[in-house]
Full PDB file with SEQRES, HELIX, SHEET, SSBOND, CRYST1, ORIGX, SCALE, CONECT and MASTER records, all heavy atoms in Angstrom:
SEQRES   1 A   43  ASP GLU LYS ILE LEU PRO ILE ASP LEU GLY ARG ILE ALA          
SEQRES   2 A   43  ALA GLN THR ALA LYS GLN VAL ILE ILE GLN ARG ILE ARG          
SEQRES   3 A   43  GLU ALA GLU ALA ASP VAL VAL PHE ASP GLU PHE GLU ARG          
SEQRES   4 A   43  TYR ARG HIS MET                                              
HELIX    1 AA1 GLY A   10  GLU A   38  1                                  29    
CRYST1    1.000    1.000    1.000  90.00  90.00  90.00 P 1           1          
ORIGX1      1.000000  0.000000  0.000000        0.00000                         
ORIGX2      0.000000  1.000000  0.000000        0.00000                         
ORIGX3      0.000000  0.000000  1.000000        0.00000                         
SCALE1      1.000000  0.000000  0.000000        0.00000                         
SCALE2      0.000000  1.000000  0.000000        0.00000                         
SCALE3      0.000000  0.000000  1.000000        0.00000                         
ATOM      1  N   ASP A   1     120.127 111.756 138.447  1.00  0.00           N  
ATOM      2  CA  ASP A   1     119.128 112.767 138.089  1.00  0.00           C  
ATOM      3  C   ASP A   1     119.700 113.804 137.133  1.00  0.00           C  
ATOM      4  O   ASP A   1     119.004 114.731 136.717  1.00  0.00           O  
ATOM      5  CB  ASP A   1     118.615 113.477 139.353  1.00  0.00           C  
ATOM      6  CG  ASP A   1     117.795 112.535 140.220  1.00  0.00           C  
ATOM      7  OD1 ASP A   1     117.160 111.630 139.646  1.00  0.00           O  
ATOM      8  OD2 ASP A   1     117.802 112.694 141.456  1.00  0.00           O  
ATOM      9  N   GLU A   2     120.993 113.683 136.801  1.00  0.00           N  
ATOM     10  CA  GLU A   2     121.661 114.695 135.981  1.00  0.00           C  
ATOM     11  C   GLU A   2     121.574 114.341 134.498  1.00  0.00           C  
ATOM     12  O   GLU A   2     121.894 113.225 134.089  1.00  0.00           O  
ATOM     13  CB  GLU A   2     123.134 114.775 136.401  1.00  0.00           C  
ATOM     14  CG  GLU A   2     123.881 115.895 135.729  1.00  0.00           C  
ATOM     15  CD  GLU A   2     125.341 115.921 136.170  1.00  0.00           C  
ATOM     16  OE1 GLU A   2     125.638 115.452 137.289  1.00  0.00           O  
ATOM     17  OE2 GLU A   2     126.156 116.385 135.376  1.00  0.00           O  
ATOM     18  N   LYS A   3     121.106 115.310 133.718  1.00  0.00           N  
ATOM     19  CA  LYS A   3     121.010 115.106 132.279  1.00  0.00           C  
ATOM     20  C   LYS A   3     122.407 115.133 131.683  1.00  0.00           C  
ATOM     21  O   LYS A   3     123.220 115.996 132.012  1.00  0.00           O  
ATOM     22  CB  LYS A   3     120.130 116.198 131.663  1.00  0.00           C  
ATOM     23  CG  LYS A   3     119.810 115.987 130.205  1.00  0.00           C  
ATOM     24  CD  LYS A   3     118.860 117.055 129.721  1.00  0.00           C  
ATOM     25  CE  LYS A   3     118.633 116.936 128.229  1.00  0.00           C  
ATOM     26  NZ  LYS A   3     117.794 118.011 127.712  1.00  0.00           N  
ATOM     27  N   ILE A   4     122.705 114.172 130.810  1.00  0.00           N  
ATOM     28  CA  ILE A   4     124.015 114.152 130.155  1.00  0.00           C  
ATOM     29  C   ILE A   4     123.826 114.387 128.663  1.00  0.00           C  
ATOM     30  O   ILE A   4     122.707 114.417 128.147  1.00  0.00           O  
ATOM     31  CB  ILE A   4     124.775 112.834 130.429  1.00  0.00           C  
ATOM     32  CG1 ILE A   4     123.946 111.617 129.994  1.00  0.00           C  
ATOM     33  CG2 ILE A   4     125.157 112.725 131.888  1.00  0.00           C  
ATOM     34  CD1 ILE A   4     124.650 110.295 130.196  1.00  0.00           C  
ATOM     35  N   LEU A   5     124.919 114.554 127.960  1.00  0.00           N  
ATOM     36  CA  LEU A   5     124.852 114.876 126.533  1.00  0.00           C  
ATOM     37  C   LEU A   5     124.173 113.753 125.753  1.00  0.00           C  
ATOM     38  O   LEU A   5     124.191 112.596 126.174  1.00  0.00           O  
ATOM     39  CB  LEU A   5     126.274 115.082 125.999  1.00  0.00           C  
ATOM     40  CG  LEU A   5     127.001 116.316 126.537  1.00  0.00           C  
ATOM     41  CD1 LEU A   5     128.439 116.321 126.076  1.00  0.00           C  
ATOM     42  CD2 LEU A   5     126.301 117.587 126.097  1.00  0.00           C  
ATOM     43  N   PRO A   6     123.587 114.098 124.594  1.00  0.00           N  
ATOM     44  CA  PRO A   6     122.976 113.052 123.769  1.00  0.00           C  
ATOM     45  C   PRO A   6     123.973 111.936 123.491  1.00  0.00           C  
ATOM     46  O   PRO A   6     125.173 112.183 123.329  1.00  0.00           O  
ATOM     47  CB  PRO A   6     122.605 113.790 122.482  1.00  0.00           C  
ATOM     48  CG  PRO A   6     122.488 115.212 122.872  1.00  0.00           C  
ATOM     49  CD  PRO A   6     123.458 115.422 123.991  1.00  0.00           C  
ATOM     50  N   ILE A   7     123.489 110.721 123.426  1.00  0.00           N  
ATOM     51  CA  ILE A   7     124.368 109.559 123.280  1.00  0.00           C  
ATOM     52  C   ILE A   7     124.699 109.332 121.815  1.00  0.00           C  
ATOM     53  O   ILE A   7     123.820 109.248 120.965  1.00  0.00           O  
ATOM     54  CB  ILE A   7     123.694 108.296 123.857  1.00  0.00           C  
ATOM     55  CG1 ILE A   7     123.361 108.515 125.325  1.00  0.00           C  
ATOM     56  CG2 ILE A   7     124.548 107.080 123.676  1.00  0.00           C  
ATOM     57  CD1 ILE A   7     122.502 107.430 125.907  1.00  0.00           C  
ATOM     58  N   ASP A   8     125.993 109.260 121.524  1.00  0.00           N  
ATOM     59  CA  ASP A   8     126.442 108.868 120.188  1.00  0.00           C  
ATOM     60  C   ASP A   8     126.735 107.375 120.267  1.00  0.00           C  
ATOM     61  O   ASP A   8     127.748 106.953 120.820  1.00  0.00           O  
ATOM     62  CB  ASP A   8     127.705 109.657 119.816  1.00  0.00           C  
ATOM     63  CG  ASP A   8     128.298 109.163 118.509  1.00  0.00           C  
ATOM     64  OD1 ASP A   8     127.541 108.574 117.707  1.00  0.00           O  
ATOM     65  OD2 ASP A   8     129.507 109.344 118.294  1.00  0.00           O  
ATOM     66  N   LEU A   9     125.840 106.571 119.744  1.00  0.00           N  
ATOM     67  CA  LEU A   9     125.925 105.136 119.977  1.00  0.00           C  
ATOM     68  C   LEU A   9     126.948 104.428 119.102  1.00  0.00           C  
ATOM     69  O   LEU A   9     127.543 103.445 119.506  1.00  0.00           O  
ATOM     70  CB  LEU A   9     124.549 104.493 119.775  1.00  0.00           C  
ATOM     71  CG  LEU A   9     123.479 104.925 120.760  1.00  0.00           C  
ATOM     72  CD1 LEU A   9     122.159 104.289 120.399  1.00  0.00           C  
ATOM     73  CD2 LEU A   9     123.864 104.565 122.177  1.00  0.00           C  
ATOM     74  N   GLY A  10     127.127 104.892 117.893  1.00  0.00           N  
ATOM     75  CA  GLY A  10     128.023 104.175 116.997  1.00  0.00           C  
ATOM     76  C   GLY A  10     127.312 103.000 116.337  1.00  0.00           C  
ATOM     77  O   GLY A  10     126.222 102.600 116.732  1.00  0.00           O  
ATOM     78  N   ARG A  11     127.938 102.423 115.308  1.00  0.00           N  
ATOM     79  CA  ARG A  11     127.291 101.411 114.477  1.00  0.00           C  
ATOM     80  C   ARG A  11     126.980 100.128 115.232  1.00  0.00           C  
ATOM     81  O   ARG A  11     125.889  99.583 115.135  1.00  0.00           O  
ATOM     82  CB  ARG A  11     128.203 101.106 113.276  1.00  0.00           C  
ATOM     83  CG  ARG A  11     127.564 100.253 112.216  1.00  0.00           C  
ATOM     84  CD  ARG A  11     128.491 100.079 111.040  1.00  0.00           C  
ATOM     85  NE  ARG A  11     129.736  99.440 111.401  1.00  0.00           N  
ATOM     86  CZ  ARG A  11     129.890  98.121 111.556  1.00  0.00           C  
ATOM     87  NH1 ARG A  11     128.874  97.320 111.403  1.00  0.00           N  
ATOM     88  NH2 ARG A  11     131.065  97.612 111.866  1.00  0.00           N  
ATOM     89  N   ILE A  12     127.944  99.613 116.016  1.00  0.00           N  
ATOM     90  CA  ILE A  12     127.752  98.336 116.719  1.00  0.00           C  
ATOM     91  C   ILE A  12     126.644  98.465 117.769  1.00  0.00           C  
ATOM     92  O   ILE A  12     125.752  97.623 117.858  1.00  0.00           O  
ATOM     93  CB  ILE A  12     129.060  97.869 117.407  1.00  0.00           C  
ATOM     94  CG1 ILE A  12     130.186  97.730 116.380  1.00  0.00           C  
ATOM     95  CG2 ILE A  12     128.842  96.566 118.161  1.00  0.00           C  
ATOM     96  CD1 ILE A  12     129.968  96.640 115.363  1.00  0.00           C  
ATOM     97  N   ALA A  13     126.692  99.552 118.548  1.00  0.00           N  
ATOM     98  CA  ALA A  13     125.686  99.753 119.589  1.00  0.00           C  
ATOM     99  C   ALA A  13     124.305  99.977 118.975  1.00  0.00           C  
ATOM    100  O   ALA A  13     123.300  99.516 119.502  1.00  0.00           O  
ATOM    101  CB  ALA A  13     126.078 100.933 120.471  1.00  0.00           C  
ATOM    102  N   ALA A  14     124.264 100.670 117.835  1.00  0.00           N  
ATOM    103  CA  ALA A  14     122.984 100.889 117.165  1.00  0.00           C  
ATOM    104  C   ALA A  14     122.401  99.564 116.674  1.00  0.00           C  
ATOM    105  O   ALA A  14     121.189  99.345 116.741  1.00  0.00           O  
ATOM    106  CB  ALA A  14     123.162 101.855 115.995  1.00  0.00           C  
ATOM    107  N   GLN A  15     123.260  98.665 116.216  1.00  0.00           N  
ATOM    108  CA  GLN A  15     122.817  97.339 115.780  1.00  0.00           C  
ATOM    109  C   GLN A  15     122.239  96.561 116.967  1.00  0.00           C  
ATOM    110  O   GLN A  15     121.218  95.879 116.841  1.00  0.00           O  
ATOM    111  CB  GLN A  15     123.997  96.571 115.161  1.00  0.00           C  
ATOM    112  CG  GLN A  15     123.608  95.292 114.446  1.00  0.00           C  
ATOM    113  CD  GLN A  15     122.726  95.536 113.233  1.00  0.00           C  
ATOM    114  OE1 GLN A  15     122.807  96.561 112.585  1.00  0.00           O  
ATOM    115  NE2 GLN A  15     121.844  94.601 112.936  1.00  0.00           N  
ATOM    116  N   THR A  16     122.894  96.670 118.131  1.00  0.00           N  
ATOM    117  CA  THR A  16     122.393  96.027 119.354  1.00  0.00           C  
ATOM    118  C   THR A  16     121.007  96.566 119.695  1.00  0.00           C  
ATOM    119  O   THR A  16     120.093  95.807 120.016  1.00  0.00           O  
ATOM    120  CB  THR A  16     123.356  96.304 120.543  1.00  0.00           C  
ATOM    121  OG1 THR A  16     124.635  95.804 120.210  1.00  0.00           O  
ATOM    122  CG2 THR A  16     122.864  95.653 121.815  1.00  0.00           C  
ATOM    123  N   ALA A  17     120.854  97.896 119.618  1.00  0.00           N  
ATOM    124  CA  ALA A  17     119.558  98.529 119.908  1.00  0.00           C  
ATOM    125  C   ALA A  17     118.489  97.997 118.967  1.00  0.00           C  
ATOM    126  O   ALA A  17     117.375  97.671 119.388  1.00  0.00           O  
ATOM    127  CB  ALA A  17     119.671 100.047 119.777  1.00  0.00           C  
ATOM    128  N   LYS A  18     118.833  97.867 117.696  1.00  0.00           N  
ATOM    129  CA  LYS A  18     117.874  97.368 116.700  1.00  0.00           C  
ATOM    130  C   LYS A  18     117.420  95.948 117.040  1.00  0.00           C  
ATOM    131  O   LYS A  18     116.231  95.631 116.988  1.00  0.00           O  
ATOM    132  CB  LYS A  18     118.514  97.412 115.316  1.00  0.00           C  
ATOM    133  CG  LYS A  18     117.601  96.961 114.202  1.00  0.00           C  
ATOM    134  CD  LYS A  18     118.322  97.017 112.863  1.00  0.00           C  
ATOM    135  CE  LYS A  18     117.459  96.432 111.767  1.00  0.00           C  
ATOM    136  NZ  LYS A  18     118.162  96.361 110.488  1.00  0.00           N  
ATOM    137  N   GLN A  19     118.381  95.086 117.422  1.00  0.00           N  
ATOM    138  CA  GLN A  19     118.044  93.694 117.762  1.00  0.00           C  
ATOM    139  C   GLN A  19     117.132  93.625 118.980  1.00  0.00           C  
ATOM    140  O   GLN A  19     116.175  92.843 119.016  1.00  0.00           O  
ATOM    141  CB  GLN A  19     119.314  92.888 118.001  1.00  0.00           C  
ATOM    142  CG  GLN A  19     120.092  92.614 116.730  1.00  0.00           C  
ATOM    143  CD  GLN A  19     121.486  92.065 117.002  1.00  0.00           C  
ATOM    144  OE1 GLN A  19     121.933  91.998 118.150  1.00  0.00           O  
ATOM    145  NE2 GLN A  19     122.190  91.689 115.948  1.00  0.00           N  
ATOM    146  N   VAL A  20     117.423  94.444 119.991  1.00  0.00           N  
ATOM    147  CA  VAL A  20     116.594  94.473 121.203  1.00  0.00           C  
ATOM    148  C   VAL A  20     115.173  94.934 120.860  1.00  0.00           C  
ATOM    149  O   VAL A  20     114.190  94.350 121.312  1.00  0.00           O  
ATOM    150  CB  VAL A  20     117.223  95.379 122.291  1.00  0.00           C  
ATOM    151  CG1 VAL A  20     116.266  95.577 123.456  1.00  0.00           C  
ATOM    152  CG2 VAL A  20     118.531  94.787 122.787  1.00  0.00           C  
ATOM    153  N   ILE A  21     115.073  95.977 120.031  1.00  0.00           N  
ATOM    154  CA  ILE A  21     113.760  96.500 119.642  1.00  0.00           C  
ATOM    155  C   ILE A  21     112.963  95.436 118.901  1.00  0.00           C  
ATOM    156  O   ILE A  21     111.784  95.197 119.204  1.00  0.00           O  
ATOM    157  CB  ILE A  21     113.907  97.763 118.756  1.00  0.00           C  
ATOM    158  CG1 ILE A  21     114.427  98.933 119.599  1.00  0.00           C  
ATOM    159  CG2 ILE A  21     112.581  98.136 118.105  1.00  0.00           C  
ATOM    160  CD1 ILE A  21     114.913 100.108 118.789  1.00  0.00           C  
ATOM    161  N   ILE A  22     113.591  94.763 117.934  1.00  0.00           N  
ATOM    162  CA  ILE A  22     112.896  93.733 117.151  1.00  0.00           C  
ATOM    163  C   ILE A  22     112.402  92.617 118.061  1.00  0.00           C  
ATOM    164  O   ILE A  22     111.258  92.170 117.949  1.00  0.00           O  
ATOM    165  CB  ILE A  22     113.820  93.174 116.040  1.00  0.00           C  
ATOM    166  CG1 ILE A  22     114.025  94.241 114.962  1.00  0.00           C  
ATOM    167  CG2 ILE A  22     113.242  91.899 115.428  1.00  0.00           C  
ATOM    168  CD1 ILE A  22     115.109  93.920 113.958  1.00  0.00           C  
ATOM    169  N   GLN A  23     113.251  92.191 119.013  1.00  0.00           N  
ATOM    170  CA  GLN A  23     112.862  91.116 119.937  1.00  0.00           C  
ATOM    171  C   GLN A  23     111.683  91.536 120.809  1.00  0.00           C  
ATOM    172  O   GLN A  23     110.723  90.787 120.988  1.00  0.00           O  
ATOM    173  CB  GLN A  23     114.069  90.729 120.808  1.00  0.00           C  
ATOM    174  CG  GLN A  23     113.780  89.633 121.822  1.00  0.00           C  
ATOM    175  CD  GLN A  23     113.352  88.322 121.168  1.00  0.00           C  
ATOM    176  OE1 GLN A  23     113.759  88.006 120.072  1.00  0.00           O  
ATOM    177  NE2 GLN A  23     112.513  87.564 121.859  1.00  0.00           N  
ATOM    178  N   ARG A  24     111.738  92.762 121.343  1.00  0.00           N  
ATOM    179  CA  ARG A  24     110.655  93.240 122.207  1.00  0.00           C  
ATOM    180  C   ARG A  24     109.348  93.395 121.436  1.00  0.00           C  
ATOM    181  O   ARG A  24     108.271  93.097 121.956  1.00  0.00           O  
ATOM    182  CB  ARG A  24     111.040  94.582 122.854  1.00  0.00           C  
ATOM    183  CG  ARG A  24     112.148  94.516 123.884  1.00  0.00           C  
ATOM    184  CD  ARG A  24     111.725  93.817 125.168  1.00  0.00           C  
ATOM    185  NE  ARG A  24     110.660  94.503 125.879  1.00  0.00           N  
ATOM    186  CZ  ARG A  24     110.847  95.444 126.797  1.00  0.00           C  
ATOM    187  NH1 ARG A  24     112.072  95.771 127.161  1.00  0.00           N  
ATOM    188  NH2 ARG A  24     109.827  96.030 127.376  1.00  0.00           N  
ATOM    189  N   ILE A  25     109.434  93.850 120.171  1.00  0.00           N  
ATOM    190  CA  ILE A  25     108.229  94.002 119.350  1.00  0.00           C  
ATOM    191  C   ILE A  25     107.625  92.629 119.064  1.00  0.00           C  
ATOM    192  O   ILE A  25     106.411  92.455 119.118  1.00  0.00           O  
ATOM    193  CB  ILE A  25     108.528  94.792 118.058  1.00  0.00           C  
ATOM    194  CG1 ILE A  25     108.747  96.272 118.402  1.00  0.00           C  
ATOM    195  CG2 ILE A  25     107.391  94.640 117.042  1.00  0.00           C  
ATOM    196  CD1 ILE A  25     109.210  97.127 117.255  1.00  0.00           C  
ATOM    197  N   ARG A  26     108.475  91.640 118.794  1.00  0.00           N  
ATOM    198  CA  ARG A  26     107.973  90.269 118.566  1.00  0.00           C  
ATOM    199  C   ARG A  26     107.245  89.751 119.802  1.00  0.00           C  
ATOM    200  O   ARG A  26     106.186  89.131 119.693  1.00  0.00           O  
ATOM    201  CB  ARG A  26     109.141  89.333 118.231  1.00  0.00           C  
ATOM    202  CG  ARG A  26     109.558  89.398 116.783  1.00  0.00           C  
ATOM    203  CD  ARG A  26     110.416  88.198 116.405  1.00  0.00           C  
ATOM    204  NE  ARG A  26     110.999  88.414 115.105  1.00  0.00           N  
ATOM    205  CZ  ARG A  26     112.286  88.359 114.830  1.00  0.00           C  
ATOM    206  NH1 ARG A  26     113.154  88.069 115.775  1.00  0.00           N  
ATOM    207  NH2 ARG A  26     112.729  88.572 113.613  1.00  0.00           N  
ATOM    208  N   GLU A  27     107.842  89.989 120.977  1.00  0.00           N  
ATOM    209  CA  GLU A  27     107.214  89.533 122.221  1.00  0.00           C  
ATOM    210  C   GLU A  27     105.869  90.229 122.437  1.00  0.00           C  
ATOM    211  O   GLU A  27     104.879  89.595 122.810  1.00  0.00           O  
ATOM    212  CB  GLU A  27     108.141  89.810 123.409  1.00  0.00           C  
ATOM    213  CG  GLU A  27     109.369  88.908 123.458  1.00  0.00           C  
ATOM    214  CD  GLU A  27     110.403  89.390 124.463  1.00  0.00           C  
ATOM    215  OE1 GLU A  27     110.134  90.360 125.206  1.00  0.00           O  
ATOM    216  OE2 GLU A  27     111.495  88.790 124.501  1.00  0.00           O  
ATOM    217  N   ALA A  28     105.839  91.549 122.205  1.00  0.00           N  
ATOM    218  CA  ALA A  28     104.597  92.311 122.391  1.00  0.00           C  
ATOM    219  C   ALA A  28     103.541  91.860 121.389  1.00  0.00           C  
ATOM    220  O   ALA A  28     102.353  91.745 121.718  1.00  0.00           O  
ATOM    221  CB  ALA A  28     104.875  93.810 122.242  1.00  0.00           C  
ATOM    222  N   GLU A  29     103.969  91.586 120.159  1.00  0.00           N  
ATOM    223  CA  GLU A  29     103.040  91.111 119.128  1.00  0.00           C  
ATOM    224  C   GLU A  29     102.458  89.753 119.519  1.00  0.00           C  
ATOM    225  O   GLU A  29     101.259  89.505 119.359  1.00  0.00           O  
ATOM    226  CB  GLU A  29     103.790  91.004 117.799  1.00  0.00           C  
ATOM    227  CG  GLU A  29     102.910  90.886 116.595  1.00  0.00           C  
ATOM    228  CD  GLU A  29     103.699  90.919 115.302  1.00  0.00           C  
ATOM    229  OE1 GLU A  29     104.938  90.940 115.327  1.00  0.00           O  
ATOM    230  OE2 GLU A  29     103.055  90.893 114.251  1.00  0.00           O  
ATOM    231  N   ALA A  30     103.316  88.874 120.062  1.00  0.00           N  
ATOM    232  CA  ALA A  30     102.838  87.552 120.508  1.00  0.00           C  
ATOM    233  C   ALA A  30     101.829  87.709 121.642  1.00  0.00           C  
ATOM    234  O   ALA A  30     100.825  86.983 121.692  1.00  0.00           O  
ATOM    235  CB  ALA A  30     104.021  86.699 120.969  1.00  0.00           C  
ATOM    236  N   ASP A  31     102.061  88.671 122.554  1.00  0.00           N  
ATOM    237  CA  ASP A  31     101.108  88.920 123.649  1.00  0.00           C  
ATOM    238  C   ASP A  31      99.754  89.354 123.110  1.00  0.00           C  
ATOM    239  O   ASP A  31      98.709  88.925 123.608  1.00  0.00           O  
ATOM    240  CB  ASP A  31     101.654  90.000 124.604  1.00  0.00           C  
ATOM    241  CG  ASP A  31     102.813  89.484 125.447  1.00  0.00           C  
ATOM    242  OD1 ASP A  31     102.982  88.260 125.539  1.00  0.00           O  
ATOM    243  OD2 ASP A  31     103.556  90.322 125.997  1.00  0.00           O  
ATOM    244  N   VAL A  32      99.759  90.228 122.084  1.00  0.00           N  
ATOM    245  CA  VAL A  32      98.510  90.709 121.486  1.00  0.00           C  
ATOM    246  C   VAL A  32      97.746  89.540 120.867  1.00  0.00           C  
ATOM    247  O   VAL A  32      96.541  89.380 121.080  1.00  0.00           O  
ATOM    248  CB  VAL A  32      98.796  91.803 120.419  1.00  0.00           C  
ATOM    249  CG1 VAL A  32      97.553  92.086 119.581  1.00  0.00           C  
ATOM    250  CG2 VAL A  32      99.274  93.086 121.084  1.00  0.00           C  
ATOM    251  N   VAL A  33      98.465  88.689 120.111  1.00  0.00           N  
ATOM    252  CA  VAL A  33      97.830  87.532 119.465  1.00  0.00           C  
ATOM    253  C   VAL A  33      97.298  86.562 120.519  1.00  0.00           C  
ATOM    254  O   VAL A  33      96.173  86.064 120.421  1.00  0.00           O  
ATOM    255  CB  VAL A  33      98.822  86.813 118.515  1.00  0.00           C  
ATOM    256  CG1 VAL A  33      98.261  85.482 118.028  1.00  0.00           C  
ATOM    257  CG2 VAL A  33      99.155  87.709 117.331  1.00  0.00           C  
ATOM    258  N   PHE A  34      98.108  86.315 121.566  1.00  0.00           N  
ATOM    259  CA  PHE A  34      97.684  85.399 122.627  1.00  0.00           C  
ATOM    260  C   PHE A  34      96.405  85.897 123.304  1.00  0.00           C  
ATOM    261  O   PHE A  34      95.454  85.141 123.482  1.00  0.00           O  
ATOM    262  CB  PHE A  34      98.799  85.228 123.663  1.00  0.00           C  
ATOM    263  CG  PHE A  34      98.436  84.294 124.783  1.00  0.00           C  
ATOM    264  CD1 PHE A  34      98.540  82.917 124.624  1.00  0.00           C  
ATOM    265  CD2 PHE A  34      97.967  84.782 125.994  1.00  0.00           C  
ATOM    266  CE1 PHE A  34      98.191  82.043 125.647  1.00  0.00           C  
ATOM    267  CE2 PHE A  34      97.615  83.927 127.025  1.00  0.00           C  
ATOM    268  CZ  PHE A  34      97.734  82.553 126.847  1.00  0.00           C  
ATOM    269  N   ASP A  35      96.386  87.178 123.666  1.00  0.00           N  
ATOM    270  CA  ASP A  35      95.207  87.747 124.336  1.00  0.00           C  
ATOM    271  C   ASP A  35      93.967  87.648 123.455  1.00  0.00           C  
ATOM    272  O   ASP A  35      92.874  87.346 123.941  1.00  0.00           O  
ATOM    273  CB  ASP A  35      95.453  89.209 124.722  1.00  0.00           C  
ATOM    274  CG  ASP A  35      96.477  89.345 125.842  1.00  0.00           C  
ATOM    275  OD1 ASP A  35      96.756  88.333 126.520  1.00  0.00           O  
ATOM    276  OD2 ASP A  35      97.017  90.451 126.024  1.00  0.00           O  
ATOM    277  N   GLU A  36      94.149  87.915 122.154  1.00  0.00           N  
ATOM    278  CA  GLU A  36      93.003  87.869 121.245  1.00  0.00           C  
ATOM    279  C   GLU A  36      92.460  86.452 121.103  1.00  0.00           C  
ATOM    280  O   GLU A  36      91.259  86.222 121.205  1.00  0.00           O  
ATOM    281  CB  GLU A  36      93.412  88.403 119.869  1.00  0.00           C  
ATOM    282  CG  GLU A  36      92.259  88.407 118.889  1.00  0.00           C  
ATOM    283  CD  GLU A  36      92.612  89.039 117.557  1.00  0.00           C  
ATOM    284  OE1 GLU A  36      93.505  89.901 117.515  1.00  0.00           O  
ATOM    285  OE2 GLU A  36      91.979  88.659 116.560  1.00  0.00           O  
ATOM    286  N   PHE A  37      93.347  85.472 120.901  1.00  0.00           N  
ATOM    287  CA  PHE A  37      92.881  84.115 120.636  1.00  0.00           C  
ATOM    288  C   PHE A  37      92.557  83.336 121.911  1.00  0.00           C  
ATOM    289  O   PHE A  37      91.839  82.347 121.855  1.00  0.00           O  
ATOM    290  CB  PHE A  37      93.875  83.364 119.747  1.00  0.00           C  
ATOM    291  CG  PHE A  37      93.704  83.717 118.302  1.00  0.00           C  
ATOM    292  CD1 PHE A  37      94.410  84.769 117.747  1.00  0.00           C  
ATOM    293  CD2 PHE A  37      92.786  83.046 117.515  1.00  0.00           C  
ATOM    294  CE1 PHE A  37      94.232  85.132 116.423  1.00  0.00           C  
ATOM    295  CE2 PHE A  37      92.597  83.391 116.193  1.00  0.00           C  
ATOM    296  CZ  PHE A  37      93.323  84.440 115.642  1.00  0.00           C  
ATOM    297  N   GLU A  38      93.049  83.790 123.050  1.00  0.00           N  
ATOM    298  CA  GLU A  38      92.667  83.169 124.320  1.00  0.00           C  
ATOM    299  C   GLU A  38      91.152  83.288 124.521  1.00  0.00           C  
ATOM    300  O   GLU A  38      90.514  82.409 125.087  1.00  0.00           O  
ATOM    301  CB  GLU A  38      93.436  83.849 125.472  1.00  0.00           C  
ATOM    302  CG  GLU A  38      93.113  83.325 126.843  1.00  0.00           C  
ATOM    303  CD  GLU A  38      93.516  81.867 127.074  1.00  0.00           C  
ATOM    304  OE1 GLU A  38      94.294  81.308 126.292  1.00  0.00           O  
ATOM    305  OE2 GLU A  38      93.027  81.286 128.056  1.00  0.00           O  
ATOM    306  N   ARG A  39      90.579  84.378 123.997  1.00  0.00           N  
ATOM    307  CA  ARG A  39      89.120  84.580 124.085  1.00  0.00           C  
ATOM    308  C   ARG A  39      88.361  83.574 123.231  1.00  0.00           C  
ATOM    309  O   ARG A  39      87.190  83.319 123.446  1.00  0.00           O  
ATOM    310  CB  ARG A  39      88.738  85.999 123.645  1.00  0.00           C  
ATOM    311  CG  ARG A  39      89.225  87.079 124.594  1.00  0.00           C  
ATOM    312  CD  ARG A  39      88.771  88.456 124.161  1.00  0.00           C  
ATOM    313  NE  ARG A  39      89.402  88.859 122.911  1.00  0.00           N  
ATOM    314  CZ  ARG A  39      88.722  89.218 121.819  1.00  0.00           C  
ATOM    315  NH1 ARG A  39      87.414  89.211 121.794  1.00  0.00           N  
ATOM    316  NH2 ARG A  39      89.365  89.586 120.731  1.00  0.00           N  
ATOM    317  N   TYR A  40      89.030  83.031 122.213  1.00  0.00           N  
ATOM    318  CA  TYR A  40      88.382  82.085 121.298  1.00  0.00           C  
ATOM    319  C   TYR A  40      88.582  80.631 121.712  1.00  0.00           C  
ATOM    320  O   TYR A  40      88.121  79.729 121.018  1.00  0.00           O  
ATOM    321  CB  TYR A  40      88.902  82.274 119.870  1.00  0.00           C  
ATOM    322  CG  TYR A  40      88.433  83.554 119.231  1.00  0.00           C  
ATOM    323  CD1 TYR A  40      89.294  84.631 119.068  1.00  0.00           C  
ATOM    324  CD2 TYR A  40      87.122  83.692 118.798  1.00  0.00           C  
ATOM    325  CE1 TYR A  40      88.860  85.810 118.482  1.00  0.00           C  
ATOM    326  CE2 TYR A  40      86.677  84.873 118.215  1.00  0.00           C  
ATOM    327  CZ  TYR A  40      87.559  85.923 118.055  1.00  0.00           C  
ATOM    328  OH  TYR A  40      87.132  87.090 117.494  1.00  0.00           O  
ATOM    329  N   ARG A  41      89.267  80.404 122.834  1.00  0.00           N  
ATOM    330  CA  ARG A  41      89.451  79.024 123.310  1.00  0.00           C  
ATOM    331  C   ARG A  41      88.074  78.381 123.521  1.00  0.00           C  
ATOM    332  O   ARG A  41      87.184  78.991 124.085  1.00  0.00           O  
ATOM    333  CB  ARG A  41      90.231  79.031 124.626  1.00  0.00           C  
ATOM    334  CG  ARG A  41      90.616  77.648 125.115  1.00  0.00           C  
ATOM    335  CD  ARG A  41      91.140  77.719 126.531  1.00  0.00           C  
ATOM    336  NE  ARG A  41      92.368  78.463 126.659  1.00  0.00           N  
ATOM    337  CZ  ARG A  41      93.582  77.913 126.751  1.00  0.00           C  
ATOM    338  NH1 ARG A  41      93.707  76.612 126.734  1.00  0.00           N  
ATOM    339  NH2 ARG A  41      94.652  78.667 126.870  1.00  0.00           N  
ATOM    340  N   HIS A  42      87.903  77.164 123.020  1.00  0.00           N  
ATOM    341  CA  HIS A  42      86.644  76.411 123.089  1.00  0.00           C  
ATOM    342  C   HIS A  42      85.533  77.064 122.266  1.00  0.00           C  
ATOM    343  O   HIS A  42      84.356  76.903 122.572  1.00  0.00           O  
ATOM    344  CB  HIS A  42      86.182  76.193 124.534  1.00  0.00           C  
ATOM    345  CG  HIS A  42      87.243  75.590 125.402  1.00  0.00           C  
ATOM    346  ND1 HIS A  42      87.922  74.441 125.060  1.00  0.00           N  
ATOM    347  CD2 HIS A  42      87.769  75.986 126.586  1.00  0.00           C  
ATOM    348  CE1 HIS A  42      88.813  74.159 125.989  1.00  0.00           C  
ATOM    349  NE2 HIS A  42      88.742  75.075 126.935  1.00  0.00           N  
ATOM    350  N   MET A  43      85.933  77.802 121.231  1.00  0.00           N  
ATOM    351  CA  MET A  43      84.959  78.398 120.314  1.00  0.00           C  
ATOM    352  C   MET A  43      85.345  78.041 118.888  1.00  0.00           C  
ATOM    353  O   MET A  43      86.406  77.455 118.648  1.00  0.00           O  
ATOM    354  CB  MET A  43      84.908  79.919 120.508  1.00  0.00           C  
ATOM    355  CG  MET A  43      84.406  80.320 121.897  1.00  0.00           C  
ATOM    356  SD  MET A  43      84.259  82.089 122.090  1.00  0.00           S  
ATOM    357  CE  MET A  43      82.771  82.404 121.194  1.00  0.00           C  
TER     358      MET A  43                                                      
MASTER        0    0    0    1    0    0    0    6  357    1    0    4          
END                                                                             
């Protein structure tokens, strides 16, 4: 529950964060497309 100092991630850790974000956005985007086109099944 204790707040700690802002995190200085450094270049390698920042690159890891970027990869995780891109992967999660791709997954979320696929969910949006799936939900939209699932409604069009058999149409």
